[in-house]
């Protein structure tokens, strides 16, 4: 097996949550380009179908699994759709997320719950449901989408719920990596820095000083720049990596 062969995902199926825009869409495309079949999770049927067609244009097979991940029943329904369509899930990418910029004293109970439920509890439920099958099978890869916000406190915007949720995702990644390693299941996370997406308004002038000028590379990234890192974590190229939080941030967290 050559070095490049280890990145090949041909014959594997990846479920990507929140796959119709931003990082999720870029992750799905990267995995498809590496040869994986993709299960597109979304809540919007039209957006999911557009993404499915884009992926199939790359020469892969793509399926759609619709549903809300905020309830256990919703998660079980999404996973059932995925398994019915594809037969198995070899790679799980927990990408779906939410962020609310609000100073701590202004965060409402509903806002706190929404961010924690989306970024942590939904991720936990999907991982537990899919992970059960992986553990029983003795094989599987899980990649959680964390954030540099799990390691630092972003500024000038305050986002305590988001920061707490992503720190928890990083620690959960490590916990599951230890527990499931004997069962042949690897669990890693990717921690992006400032990426140009709908969730991260990198072009707004008030953020330039802190988000861009403080970064050693003095720029933000585009979603496609994270694709190769996702392929690394999803493939046999990272066969001896588990419990790793791979930071992709242009050096931002080093200052």
Protein backbone atom coordinates (compact mmCIF):
# COMPACT_ATOMS: atom_id res chain seq x y z
CA UNK A 1 0.00 0.00 0.00
CA UNK A 2 1.41 3.38 -1.03
CA UNK A 3 1.14 6.55 1.00
CA UNK A 4 -1.59 7.90 -1.26
CA UNK A 5 -3.50 4.60 -1.06
CA UNK A 6 -3.98 5.21 2.65
CA UNK A 7 -6.08 8.30 1.89
CA UNK A 8 -8.40 6.35 -0.43
CA UNK A 9 -11.95 5.98 0.90
CA UNK A 10 -13.32 3.89 -1.96
CA UNK A 11 -15.85 1.36 -0.70
CA UNK A 12 -16.65 3.27 2.49
CA UNK A 13 -19.75 5.24 3.37
CA UNK A 14 -19.69 8.48 5.36
CA UNK A 15 -22.60 10.12 7.16
CA UNK A 16 -22.05 13.88 7.38
CA UNK A 17 -24.45 15.81 9.60
CA UNK A 18 -25.35 19.33 8.50
CA UNK A 19 -23.93 18.57 5.07
CA UNK A 20 -25.66 21.15 2.87
CA UNK A 21 -23.61 24.28 3.56
CA UNK A 22 -20.39 25.66 4.99
CA UNK A 23 -17.96 23.19 6.48
CA UNK A 24 -20.36 20.27 6.24
CA UNK A 25 -20.71 20.66 2.49
CA UNK A 26 -16.94 21.00 2.09
CA UNK A 27 -16.34 17.89 4.21
CA UNK A 28 -18.85 15.88 2.18
CA UNK A 29 -17.23 16.97 -1.08
CA UNK A 30 -13.73 16.15 0.15
CA UNK A 31 -14.74 12.69 1.33
CA UNK A 32 -16.52 12.07 -1.98
CA UNK A 33 -13.44 13.13 -3.92
CA UNK A 34 -11.45 10.61 -1.87
CA UNK A 35 -13.84 7.88 -3.03
CA UNK A 36 -16.41 7.61 -0.23
CA UNK A 37 -20.13 7.28 -0.73
CA UNK A 38 -21.92 10.02 1.20
CA UNK A 39 -25.08 10.18 3.27
CA UNK A 40 -26.19 13.81 3.30
CA UNK A 41 -27.93 14.74 6.51
CA UNK A 42 -30.05 17.90 6.55
CA UNK A 43 -33.38 19.27 7.69
CA UNK A 44 -34.14 20.95 4.35
CA UNK A 45 -35.11 18.42 1.67
CA UNK A 46 -34.41 20.74 -1.25
CA UNK A 47 -30.96 21.68 0.00
CA UNK A 48 -30.17 18.03 0.67
CA UNK A 49 -31.19 17.03 -2.83
CA UNK A 50 -29.04 19.77 -4.37
CA UNK A 51 -26.06 18.59 -2.34
CA UNK A 52 -26.72 14.97 -3.25
CA UNK A 53 -26.70 15.85 -6.94
CA UNK A 54 -23.47 17.84 -6.56
CA UNK A 55 -21.81 14.86 -4.92
CA UNK A 56 -23.00 12.38 -7.51
CA UNK A 57 -21.60 14.67 -10.20
CA UNK A 58 -18.22 13.90 -8.65
CA UNK A 59 -18.76 10.23 -9.47
CA UNK A 60 -19.76 8.96 -6.05
CA UNK A 61 -23.03 7.56 -4.72
CA UNK A 62 -24.94 9.86 -2.40
CA UNK A 63 -28.03 9.39 -0.26
CA UNK A 64 -30.17 11.73 1.82
CA UNK A 65 -31.21 11.33 5.46
CA UNK A 66 -33.60 14.02 6.64
CA UNK A 67 -34.43 14.94 10.21
CA UNK A 68 -33.86 17.05 13.29
CA UNK A 69 -31.06 15.90 15.60
CA UNK A 70 -32.36 17.72 18.68
CA UNK A 71 -34.33 14.73 19.94
CA UNK A 72 -33.24 11.13 20.44
CA UNK A 73 -36.14 9.99 18.26
CA UNK A 74 -35.02 12.33 15.50
CA UNK A 75 -31.48 10.99 15.67
CA UNK A 76 -32.66 7.39 15.53
CA UNK A 77 -34.80 8.25 12.51
CA UNK A 78 -31.89 9.85 10.66
CA UNK A 79 -29.59 6.91 11.36
CA UNK A 80 -32.29 4.44 10.32
CA UNK A 81 -32.69 6.28 7.00
CA UNK A 82 -28.93 6.22 6.51
CA UNK A 83 -28.63 2.50 7.19
CA UNK A 84 -31.61 1.68 5.00
CA UNK A 85 -30.11 3.62 2.11
CA UNK A 86 -26.47 2.62 2.43
CA UNK A 87 -26.40 -0.54 4.53
CA UNK A 88 -23.67 0.65 6.89
CA UNK A 89 -21.85 3.73 8.15
CA UNK A 90 -18.07 3.46 8.07
CA UNK A 91 -17.32 7.11 8.81
CA UNK A 92 -19.39 9.49 10.94
CA UNK A 93 -18.69 13.22 10.67
CA UNK A 94 -20.46 15.13 13.45
CA UNK A 95 -20.57 18.57 11.85
CA UNK A 96 -23.99 20.09 12.62
CA UNK A 97 -23.65 23.04 14.98
CA UNK A 98 -24.95 26.39 16.20
CA UNK A 99 -23.44 29.55 17.67
CA UNK A 100 -24.94 32.57 19.41
CA UNK A 101 -22.84 35.66 20.13
CA UNK A 102 -24.02 37.05 23.45
CA UNK A 103 -22.33 38.25 26.66
CA UNK A 104 -22.80 35.79 29.50
CA UNK A 105 -25.24 37.92 31.48
CA UNK A 106 -27.46 38.33 28.42
CA UNK A 107 -27.66 34.67 27.38
CA UNK A 108 -31.20 33.38 27.81
CA UNK A 109 -31.98 29.86 29.02
CA UNK A 110 -33.37 29.01 25.59
CA UNK A 111 -30.23 30.26 23.84
CA UNK A 112 -27.99 28.28 26.17
CA UNK A 113 -30.03 25.13 25.66
CA UNK A 114 -30.14 25.54 21.89
CA UNK A 115 -26.36 25.76 21.56
CA UNK A 116 -25.58 22.97 24.03
CA UNK A 117 -28.31 20.72 22.64
CA UNK A 118 -27.13 21.22 19.06
CA UNK A 119 -23.36 21.12 19.53
CA UNK A 120 -23.06 18.57 22.32
CA UNK A 121 -26.19 16.58 23.10
CA UNK A 122 -27.13 15.96 19.46
CA UNK A 123 -23.54 14.98 18.70
CA UNK A 124 -23.60 12.60 21.66
CA UNK A 125 -26.84 10.98 20.56
CA UNK A 126 -25.70 10.49 16.96
CA UNK A 127 -22.37 9.12 18.15
CA UNK A 128 -23.97 6.71 20.59
CA UNK A 129 -26.46 5.37 18.03
CA UNK A 130 -23.94 5.02 15.20
CA UNK A 131 -21.13 3.98 17.54
CA UNK A 132 -23.12 1.02 18.84
CA UNK A 133 -23.13 -0.51 15.37
CA UNK A 134 -19.43 0.31 14.86
CA UNK A 135 -18.42 -1.24 18.19
CA UNK A 136 -20.44 -4.38 17.48
CA UNK A 137 -18.88 -4.59 14.02
CA UNK A 138 -15.37 -3.92 15.31
CA UNK A 139 -14.63 -1.14 12.84
CA UNK A 140 -15.41 2.52 12.25
CA UNK A 141 -14.16 6.08 12.29
CA UNK A 142 -15.79 9.09 13.97
CA UNK A 143 -14.66 12.66 13.36
CA UNK A 144 -16.17 15.35 15.55
CA UNK A 145 -16.08 18.97 14.47
CA UNK A 146 -14.78 20.92 17.42
CA UNK A 147 -13.31 24.41 17.33
CA UNK A 148 -10.42 26.51 18.54
CA UNK A 149 -13.18 27.95 20.77
CA UNK A 150 -12.81 24.78 22.83
CA UNK A 151 -9.24 25.85 23.64
CA UNK A 152 -9.31 29.65 23.75
CA UNK A 153 -11.79 32.42 24.47
CA UNK A 154 -12.66 34.28 21.27
CA UNK A 155 -12.88 38.05 21.17
CA UNK A 156 -14.26 40.63 20.72
CA UNK A 157 -17.51 38.65 20.52
CA UNK A 158 -18.58 36.70 23.58
CA UNK A 159 -20.01 33.21 23.06
CA UNK A 160 -19.86 31.30 26.36
CA UNK A 161 -22.28 28.54 25.40
CA UNK A 162 -20.44 27.80 22.16
CA UNK A 163 -17.04 27.78 23.86
CA UNK A 164 -18.27 25.43 26.58
CA UNK A 165 -19.92 23.11 24.06
CA UNK A 166 -16.80 22.78 21.92
CA UNK A 167 -14.54 22.18 24.92
CA UNK A 168 -16.92 19.38 25.90
CA UNK A 169 -16.78 17.96 22.37
CA UNK A 170 -12.99 17.80 22.58
CA UNK A 171 -13.06 15.97 25.91
CA UNK A 172 -15.83 13.63 24.77
CA UNK A 173 -13.71 12.81 21.72
CA UNK A 174 -10.84 11.77 23.96
CA UNK A 175 -13.09 9.78 26.30
CA UNK A 176 -14.67 7.78 23.50
CA UNK A 177 -11.31 7.25 21.80
CA UNK A 178 -10.02 5.49 24.91
CA UNK A 179 -13.18 3.48 25.49
CA UNK A 180 -13.69 2.32 21.92
CA UNK A 181 -10.10 1.78 20.80
CA UNK A 182 -10.17 -1.91 21.87
CA UNK A 183 -13.22 -2.32 19.61
CA UNK A 184 -11.50 -1.03 16.49
CA UNK A 185 -13.25 2.36 16.47
CA UNK A 186 -11.18 5.51 16.16
CA UNK A 187 -12.53 8.87 17.39
CA UNK A 188 -10.81 12.15 16.53
CA UNK A 189 -11.79 15.79 16.21
CA UNK A 190 -10.92 18.68 13.95
CA UNK A 191 -10.70 22.15 15.51
CA UNK A 192 -11.05 24.84 12.84
CA UNK A 193 -10.01 28.43 13.31
CA UNK A 194 -11.68 31.32 11.51
CA UNK A 195 -13.26 30.01 8.33
CA UNK A 196 -15.45 31.96 5.92
CA UNK A 197 -18.92 30.46 6.47
CA UNK A 198 -22.42 31.70 7.28
CA UNK A 199 -21.69 31.09 10.96
CA UNK A 200 -18.45 33.07 11.02
CA UNK A 201 -18.70 36.65 9.63
CA UNK A 202 -14.97 36.97 8.95
CA UNK A 203 -15.44 39.88 6.54
CA UNK A 204 -17.05 42.23 9.06
CA UNK A 205 -14.68 45.14 9.88
CA UNK A 206 -15.18 44.99 13.66
CA UNK A 207 -13.65 41.53 13.73
CA UNK A 208 -10.66 42.20 11.45
CA UNK A 209 -8.35 43.35 14.23
CA UNK A 210 -8.83 40.26 16.39
CA UNK A 211 -9.75 37.49 13.97
CA UNK A 212 -7.40 38.24 11.10
CA UNK A 213 -4.60 40.54 12.22
CA UNK A 214 -3.89 38.41 15.31
CA UNK A 215 -3.46 35.27 13.20
CA UNK A 216 0.13 34.53 12.16
CA UNK A 217 -0.99 33.87 8.58
CA UNK A 218 -3.04 37.09 8.76
CA UNK A 219 -5.98 35.65 6.87
CA UNK A 220 -9.03 33.45 7.26
CA UNK A 221 -9.53 30.10 5.50
CA UNK A 222 -12.15 28.87 3.09
CA UNK A 223 -14.06 25.65 3.83
CA UNK A 224 -12.30 23.67 1.11
CA UNK A 225 -8.99 24.16 2.94
CA UNK A 226 -10.26 21.91 5.73
CA UNK A 227 -11.25 19.11 3.36
CA UNK A 228 -7.83 17.45 3.21
CA UNK A 229 -7.58 17.38 7.01
CA UNK A 230 -10.97 15.68 7.17
CA UNK A 231 -9.87 13.06 4.64
CA UNK A 232 -6.76 12.44 6.77
CA UNK A 233 -8.82 11.80 9.90
CA UNK A 234 -11.45 9.71 8.10
CA UNK A 235 -9.00 7.46 6.26
CA UNK A 236 -6.32 4.89 7.02
CA UNK A 237 -3.76 7.69 6.70
CA UNK A 238 -4.51 8.35 10.38
CA UNK A 239 -4.72 4.68 11.41
CA UNK A 240 -2.60 5.26 14.55
CA UNK A 241 -4.42 8.44 15.57
CA UNK A 242 -7.25 8.37 18.07
CA UNK A 243 -8.26 10.96 20.63
CA UNK A 244 -6.48 13.67 18.65
CA UNK A 245 -7.88 17.18 18.31
CA UNK A 246 -6.36 18.39 15.04
CA UNK A 247 -6.12 22.19 15.05
CA UNK A 248 -6.41 23.89 11.65
CA UNK A 249 -6.25 27.60 12.38
CA UNK A 250 -3.39 29.29 10.55
CA UNK A 251 -1.48 29.41 13.82
CA UNK A 252 -4.11 31.51 15.59
CA UNK A 253 -3.97 29.63 18.91
CA UNK A 254 -0.18 29.97 19.10
CA UNK A 255 -0.12 33.65 20.05
